[in-house]
Amino acid sequence: MSRISLMIILISFSLSALAGPVLIPCLRRLKVGQTVREDGPAAHLQKSGTPTMGGLLILLSVAVTCLPFLGAFPRAVPVVFLMAGFGAVGFLDDYIKVVCRRSMGLSPLQKFGGQLLVTGMFAWYLTRYTDVELTMRIPFSGGEYLDPGALGIPILFFIVIGTANGVNFTDGLDGLAGSVTAVVAVFFTVITLGTAGGIEPVTCAVAGALMGFLLFNVYPASVFMGDTGSLALGGFVAGCGYMLQMPLYIALVGIVYLAEVVSVILQVTYFKRSGGKRLFRMAPLHHHFELGGWPETRVTAVFTAVTAFMCLAALMGY
């Protein structure tokens, strides 16, 4: 690892770790507390009122750390934009829910519209102002690429929005989304450093910021990232995948995100077609294991370990 990359990780970690004790009391004073679903696990009711919108801690640390390096690393710009854009959509949703006291936040149509707009701007910049093609490296193929042709842009929209919402579904237990995504950030850091991919300022900054954020977010969490953080991290993962021409690898390194989304789709579909029966104890998937008797810490540890294993497999398949 280069000195610059190590410096970025350390700076971002320090900013996140030092800003936490300042930001979290501010969120408490503003009464920006999490509202826990009544139909969720009963053990989660005690978390009601825990400050949310902690994703601001991640975004601010990444922004401050990355900005001085973007001139020398232009390929990192679209990733930062996609992360910030999805973070802005999440921030609006969180703000309306916890500050304006409207439990619904953004309507599903408004949230989806915001995600479409941000993804469209990313696709426009990617195809017009970068030399990155929409061809996708195929895992375990020895370096072969898939050319989606005219389907490239629709597939991009599907992968980007699907990934962002996958991370959003994963953010349901203390430290879960942060731990899983920290491992994914390290994976992309290894790839970009090894291939001169040019996005290491943002991958290193996210890895450092998440390690600092987890000091306050592991069980028992003193702050939640909210949609501000989870959607931003989803944008980060999708942006890295596309800038490195590796969106197909997201299904491997983001296997937890994929499983969480699929569990929700299967649960809803089975519930409707079976007349009210459930396929899982509760969806997303982490709640299924939690209701099966696993403590939060075990679910987080196992899901993070699975992610680490899949990242190693993806490295072997690169």
Protein backbone atom coordinates (compact mmCIF):
# COMPACT_ATOMS: atom_id res chain seq x y z
CA MET A 1 0.00 0.00 0.00
CA SER A 2 1.33 3.45 -0.94
CA ARG A 3 2.05 6.11 1.65
CA ILE A 4 -0.71 8.31 0.23
CA SER A 5 -3.30 5.54 0.59
CA LEU A 6 -2.26 4.79 4.14
CA MET A 7 -2.33 8.51 4.97
CA ILE A 8 -5.87 8.82 3.56
CA ILE A 9 -7.09 5.90 5.66
CA LEU A 10 -5.54 7.32 8.83
CA ILE A 11 -6.86 10.85 8.23
CA SER A 12 -10.36 9.66 7.42
CA PHE A 13 -10.40 7.36 10.45
CA SER A 14 -9.17 10.16 12.71
CA LEU A 15 -11.77 12.61 11.42
CA SER A 16 -14.58 10.11 11.91
CA ALA A 17 -13.39 9.04 15.36
CA LEU A 18 -12.86 12.61 16.58
CA ALA A 19 -16.06 14.02 15.06
CA GLY A 20 -18.26 11.33 16.60
CA PRO A 21 -18.22 12.72 20.17
CA VAL A 22 -19.14 16.12 18.72
CA LEU A 23 -21.83 15.12 16.23
CA ILE A 24 -23.67 12.52 18.32
CA PRO A 25 -24.52 14.93 21.21
CA CYS A 26 -25.69 17.45 18.59
CA LEU A 27 -28.03 14.86 17.11
CA ARG A 28 -29.35 14.09 20.59
CA ARG A 29 -30.01 17.77 21.29
CA LEU A 30 -31.85 18.04 17.98
CA LYS A 31 -33.88 14.96 19.03
CA VAL A 32 -32.97 13.22 15.80
CA GLY A 33 -33.94 9.82 17.20
CA GLN A 34 -34.62 6.55 15.43
CA THR A 35 -38.22 5.32 15.35
CA VAL A 36 -38.20 1.54 15.63
CA ARG A 37 -40.78 -0.50 13.71
CA GLU A 38 -43.40 -1.96 16.04
CA ASP A 39 -43.63 -5.07 13.82
CA GLY A 40 -39.87 -5.64 14.11
CA PRO A 41 -38.03 -7.77 16.68
CA ALA A 42 -39.20 -6.88 20.20
CA ALA A 43 -35.60 -6.51 21.37
CA HIS A 44 -35.19 -3.54 19.05
CA LEU A 45 -37.80 -1.43 20.84
CA GLN A 46 -35.17 -0.40 23.40
CA LYS A 47 -33.25 1.28 20.57
CA SER A 48 -36.00 3.80 19.99
CA GLY A 49 -34.65 7.31 20.33
CA THR A 50 -31.04 6.41 19.47
CA PRO A 51 -29.65 9.25 17.29
CA THR A 52 -29.78 8.53 13.57
CA MET A 53 -28.42 10.34 10.48
CA GLY A 54 -24.94 9.29 11.64
CA GLY A 55 -24.16 8.78 7.97
CA LEU A 56 -23.25 12.46 8.00
CA LEU A 57 -20.17 11.43 9.98
CA ILE A 58 -19.10 9.11 7.17
CA LEU A 59 -19.88 11.56 4.37
CA LEU A 60 -18.11 14.49 6.00
CA SER A 61 -15.00 12.43 6.78
CA VAL A 62 -14.84 11.11 3.23
CA ALA A 63 -15.44 14.52 1.65
CA VAL A 64 -12.82 16.34 3.70
CA THR A 65 -10.26 13.58 3.09
CA CYS A 66 -10.95 13.07 -0.63
CA LEU A 67 -11.32 16.61 -1.95
CA PRO A 68 -7.58 17.51 -1.94
CA PHE A 69 -6.81 14.43 -4.07
CA LEU A 70 -9.58 14.56 -6.69
CA GLY A 71 -7.56 16.76 -9.05
CA ALA A 72 -4.87 14.09 -9.30
CA PHE A 73 -7.38 11.21 -9.31
CA PRO A 74 -10.22 12.25 -11.66
CA ARG A 75 -11.62 8.73 -11.81
CA ALA A 76 -12.60 9.04 -8.16
CA VAL A 77 -14.90 11.98 -8.94
CA PRO A 78 -17.88 9.93 -10.25
CA VAL A 79 -17.68 7.60 -7.25
CA VAL A 80 -17.72 10.55 -4.84
CA PHE A 81 -20.62 12.08 -6.76
CA LEU A 82 -22.68 8.88 -6.70
CA MET A 83 -22.00 8.44 -2.99
CA ALA A 84 -22.91 12.05 -2.22
CA GLY A 85 -25.98 11.95 -4.48
CA PHE A 86 -27.48 8.87 -2.88
CA GLY A 87 -26.49 10.24 0.52
CA ALA A 88 -28.47 13.40 -0.27
CA VAL A 89 -31.56 11.35 -1.13
CA GLY A 90 -31.15 9.44 2.14
CA PHE A 91 -30.62 12.67 4.07
CA LEU A 92 -33.88 14.13 2.76
CA ASP A 93 -35.71 10.94 3.75
CA ASP A 94 -34.17 10.95 7.24
CA TYR A 95 -34.74 14.68 7.70
CA ILE A 96 -38.42 14.47 6.83
CA LYS A 97 -38.90 11.46 9.12
CA VAL A 98 -37.03 12.54 12.22
CA VAL A 99 -36.89 16.34 12.04
CA CYS A 100 -40.19 17.16 10.35
CA ARG A 101 -41.81 14.28 12.27
CA ARG A 102 -43.40 12.72 9.17
CA SER A 103 -43.11 8.96 9.71
CA MET A 104 -43.20 8.11 6.01
CA GLY A 105 -40.32 10.37 5.02
CA LEU A 106 -40.05 10.63 1.25
CA SER A 107 -42.75 8.71 -0.57
CA PRO A 108 -41.54 5.59 -2.42
CA LEU A 109 -42.05 7.44 -5.70
CA GLN A 110 -40.05 10.46 -4.52
CA LYS A 111 -37.21 8.30 -3.20
CA PHE A 112 -37.07 6.24 -6.39
CA GLY A 113 -37.23 9.39 -8.50
CA GLY A 114 -34.27 10.85 -6.63
CA GLN A 115 -32.30 7.65 -7.13
CA LEU A 116 -33.12 7.64 -10.85
CA LEU A 117 -31.96 11.25 -11.18
CA VAL A 118 -28.64 10.65 -9.42
CA THR A 119 -28.01 7.44 -11.38
CA GLY A 120 -28.83 9.19 -14.64
CA MET A 121 -26.32 11.95 -13.93
CA PHE A 122 -23.68 9.34 -13.04
CA ALA A 123 -24.36 7.43 -16.28
CA TRP A 124 -24.17 10.67 -18.30
CA TYR A 125 -20.84 11.68 -16.76
CA LEU A 126 -19.43 8.16 -17.04
CA THR A 127 -20.17 7.83 -20.76
CA ARG A 128 -19.40 11.42 -21.74
CA TYR A 129 -16.42 12.52 -19.63
CA THR A 130 -14.51 9.34 -18.76
CA ASP A 131 -12.77 6.65 -20.78
CA VAL A 132 -14.46 3.90 -18.76
CA GLU A 133 -16.49 1.56 -20.93
CA LEU A 134 -19.65 -0.26 -19.93
CA THR A 135 -18.08 -3.63 -20.65
CA MET A 136 -17.94 -5.74 -17.52
CA ARG A 137 -15.13 -8.03 -16.40
CA ILE A 138 -16.40 -11.58 -15.89
CA PRO A 139 -15.29 -13.27 -12.64
CA PHE A 140 -13.17 -16.40 -12.98
CA SER A 141 -12.87 -15.91 -16.77
CA GLY A 142 -9.17 -15.08 -16.95
CA GLY A 143 -9.82 -11.46 -17.92
CA GLU A 144 -12.74 -11.80 -20.35
CA TYR A 145 -15.27 -8.96 -20.58
CA LEU A 146 -18.99 -8.97 -21.24
CA ASP A 147 -20.27 -6.31 -23.62
CA PRO A 148 -23.94 -5.62 -22.85
CA GLY A 149 -24.30 -3.42 -25.94
CA ALA A 150 -27.51 -1.41 -26.03
CA LEU A 151 -28.51 -2.87 -22.66
CA GLY A 152 -25.51 -1.24 -20.95
CA ILE A 153 -27.38 1.78 -19.58
CA PRO A 154 -30.51 -0.10 -18.40
CA ILE A 155 -28.26 -2.64 -16.67
CA LEU A 156 -26.33 0.21 -15.05
CA PHE A 157 -29.53 1.65 -13.61
CA PHE A 158 -30.57 -1.77 -12.32
CA ILE A 159 -27.22 -2.52 -10.67
CA VAL A 160 -26.69 0.92 -9.15
CA ILE A 161 -30.18 1.31 -7.68
CA GLY A 162 -30.31 -2.35 -6.65
CA THR A 163 -26.97 -2.10 -4.85
CA ALA A 164 -27.93 1.10 -3.04
CA ASN A 165 -31.16 -0.42 -1.77
CA GLY A 166 -29.38 -3.67 -0.90
CA VAL A 167 -27.11 -1.78 1.49
CA ASN A 168 -30.16 0.06 2.81
CA PHE A 169 -31.87 -3.27 3.65
CA THR A 170 -28.66 -4.50 5.30
CA ASP A 171 -28.65 -1.57 7.73
CA GLY A 172 -30.86 -3.19 10.35
CA LEU A 173 -28.49 -4.33 13.10
CA ASP A 174 -25.83 -2.49 15.06
CA GLY A 175 -22.64 -2.38 13.03
CA LEU A 176 -23.88 -4.69 10.26
CA ALA A 177 -23.90 -2.44 7.18
CA GLY A 178 -20.78 -0.61 8.35
CA SER A 179 -18.75 -3.78 8.99
CA VAL A 180 -19.76 -5.46 5.73
CA THR A 181 -19.09 -2.36 3.65
CA ALA A 182 -15.74 -1.72 5.34
CA VAL A 183 -14.60 -5.13 4.08
CA VAL A 184 -15.93 -4.34 0.59
CA ALA A 185 -14.08 -0.99 0.66
CA VAL A 186 -10.83 -2.81 1.48
CA PHE A 187 -11.47 -5.18 -1.44
CA PHE A 188 -11.90 -2.31 -3.89
CA THR A 189 -8.81 -0.62 -2.42
CA VAL A 190 -6.73 -3.71 -3.15
CA ILE A 191 -8.07 -3.87 -6.71
CA THR A 192 -7.57 -0.20 -7.53
CA LEU A 193 -4.04 -0.17 -6.11
CA GLY A 194 -3.14 -3.36 -7.93
CA THR A 195 -4.54 -2.25 -11.28
CA ALA A 196 -3.88 1.52 -11.12
CA GLY A 197 -7.63 2.00 -11.18
CA GLY A 198 -7.34 5.57 -9.92
CA ILE A 199 -10.11 5.55 -7.31
CA GLU A 200 -8.01 4.81 -4.22
CA PRO A 201 -8.65 8.18 -2.53
CA VAL A 202 -12.33 7.37 -2.10
CA THR A 203 -11.95 3.66 -1.32
CA CYS A 204 -9.33 4.40 1.34
CA ALA A 205 -11.36 7.29 2.74
CA VAL A 206 -14.49 5.15 3.05
CA ALA A 207 -12.54 2.31 4.70
CA GLY A 208 -11.07 4.72 7.24
CA ALA A 209 -14.33 6.58 7.86
CA LEU A 210 -16.22 3.34 8.47
CA MET A 211 -13.65 2.08 10.94
CA GLY A 212 -14.04 5.34 12.85
CA PHE A 213 -17.84 5.23 12.61
CA LEU A 214 -17.96 1.68 13.91
CA LEU A 215 -16.49 2.89 17.20
CA PHE A 216 -19.95 4.35 17.84
CA ASN A 217 -22.10 1.99 15.79
CA VAL A 218 -21.17 -1.49 17.03
CA TYR A 219 -23.47 -3.09 19.58
CA PRO A 220 -24.83 -1.36 21.57
CA ALA A 221 -24.89 1.45 19.03
CA SER A 222 -24.85 5.04 20.22
CA VAL A 223 -25.72 6.27 16.72
CA PHE A 224 -27.28 4.81 13.56
CA MET A 225 -26.20 5.74 10.03
CA GLY A 226 -29.77 6.08 8.77
CA ASP A 227 -30.65 6.22 5.08
CA THR A 228 -28.13 9.06 4.85
CA GLY A 229 -25.34 6.56 5.39
CA SER A 230 -26.74 3.34 3.94
CA LEU A 231 -27.78 4.81 0.59
CA ALA A 232 -24.48 6.70 0.36
CA LEU A 233 -22.54 3.48 0.95
CA GLY A 234 -24.64 1.74 -1.68
CA GLY A 235 -23.74 4.46 -4.15
CA PHE A 236 -20.09 4.05 -3.20
CA VAL A 237 -20.10 0.30 -3.84
CA ALA A 238 -21.90 0.64 -7.17
CA GLY A 239 -19.65 3.52 -8.24
CA CYS A 240 -16.49 1.55 -7.48
CA GLY A 241 -17.86 -1.43 -9.38
CA TYR A 242 -18.47 0.62 -12.51
CA MET A 243 -15.31 2.72 -12.43
CA LEU A 244 -13.26 -0.48 -12.21
CA GLN A 245 -15.48 -2.19 -14.82
CA MET A 246 -16.39 -4.78 -12.18
CA PRO A 247 -20.15 -4.44 -11.58
CA LEU A 248 -20.56 -8.22 -11.89
CA TYR A 249 -18.26 -8.62 -8.89
CA ILE A 250 -20.77 -6.79 -6.71
CA ALA A 251 -22.85 -9.99 -6.63
CA LEU A 252 -19.83 -11.72 -5.04
CA VAL A 253 -18.41 -9.14 -2.63
CA GLY A 254 -21.89 -7.80 -1.92
CA ILE A 255 -23.42 -11.24 -1.38
CA VAL A 256 -24.94 -10.02 1.90
CA TYR A 257 -26.63 -7.08 0.15
CA LEU A 258 -27.97 -9.45 -2.50
CA ALA A 259 -29.25 -11.94 0.07
CA GLU A 260 -31.02 -9.19 2.02
CA VAL A 261 -32.83 -7.91 -1.09
CA VAL A 262 -33.75 -11.38 -2.33
CA SER A 263 -35.08 -12.35 1.12
CA VAL A 264 -37.46 -9.38 1.08
CA ILE A 265 -38.65 -10.14 -2.48
CA LEU A 266 -39.20 -13.82 -1.67
CA GLN A 267 -40.96 -13.04 1.61
CA VAL A 268 -43.39 -10.59 0.03
CA THR A 269 -44.08 -12.82 -2.98
CA TYR A 270 -44.61 -15.96 -0.89
CA PHE A 271 -46.79 -14.09 1.62
CA LYS A 272 -49.11 -12.87 -1.13
CA ARG A 273 -49.33 -16.15 -3.02
CA SER A 274 -49.67 -18.41 0.02
CA GLY A 275 -52.44 -16.43 1.65
CA GLY A 276 -50.41 -15.04 4.52
CA LYS A 277 -47.71 -17.66 5.15
CA ARG A 278 -44.09 -16.63 5.67
CA LEU A 279 -40.99 -18.11 4.07
CA PHE A 280 -38.65 -16.52 6.64
CA ARG A 281 -39.31 -15.71 10.29
CA MET A 282 -38.88 -12.08 9.27
CA ALA A 283 -37.26 -10.21 6.40
CA PRO A 284 -34.69 -8.82 5.65
CA LEU A 285 -32.57 -11.93 6.21
CA HIS A 286 -30.67 -10.69 9.28
CA HIS A 287 -33.94 -10.61 11.24
CA HIS A 288 -34.60 -14.25 10.31
CA PHE A 289 -31.42 -15.31 12.10
CA GLU A 290 -32.05 -12.89 14.96
CA LEU A 291 -35.49 -14.37 15.63
CA GLY A 292 -33.88 -17.80 15.41
CA GLY A 293 -31.94 -17.01 18.57
CA TRP A 294 -28.74 -15.46 17.22
CA PRO A 295 -27.63 -12.32 19.09
CA GLU A 296 -27.01 -9.23 16.98
CA THR A 297 -23.26 -9.50 17.46
CA ARG A 298 -23.22 -13.03 16.06
CA VAL A 299 -25.27 -12.10 12.98
CA THR A 300 -22.96 -9.16 12.31
CA ALA A 301 -19.83 -11.27 12.81
CA VAL A 302 -21.04 -14.10 10.55
CA PHE A 303 -22.27 -11.79 7.77
CA THR A 304 -18.99 -9.88 7.88
CA ALA A 305 -16.98 -13.10 7.78
CA VAL A 306 -19.01 -14.32 4.79
CA THR A 307 -18.29 -11.02 3.05
CA ALA A 308 -14.56 -11.34 3.76
CA PHE A 309 -14.56 -14.89 2.37
CA MET A 310 -16.38 -13.79 -0.78
CA CYS A 311 -13.97 -10.89 -1.24
CA LEU A 312 -11.07 -13.35 -1.11
CA ALA A 313 -12.86 -15.55 -3.64
CA ALA A 314 -13.42 -12.52 -5.87
CA LEU A 315 -9.72 -11.66 -5.70
CA MET A 316 -8.91 -15.20 -6.78
CA GLY A 317 -11.41 -14.88 -9.61
CA TYR A 318 -10.07 -11.56 -10.87
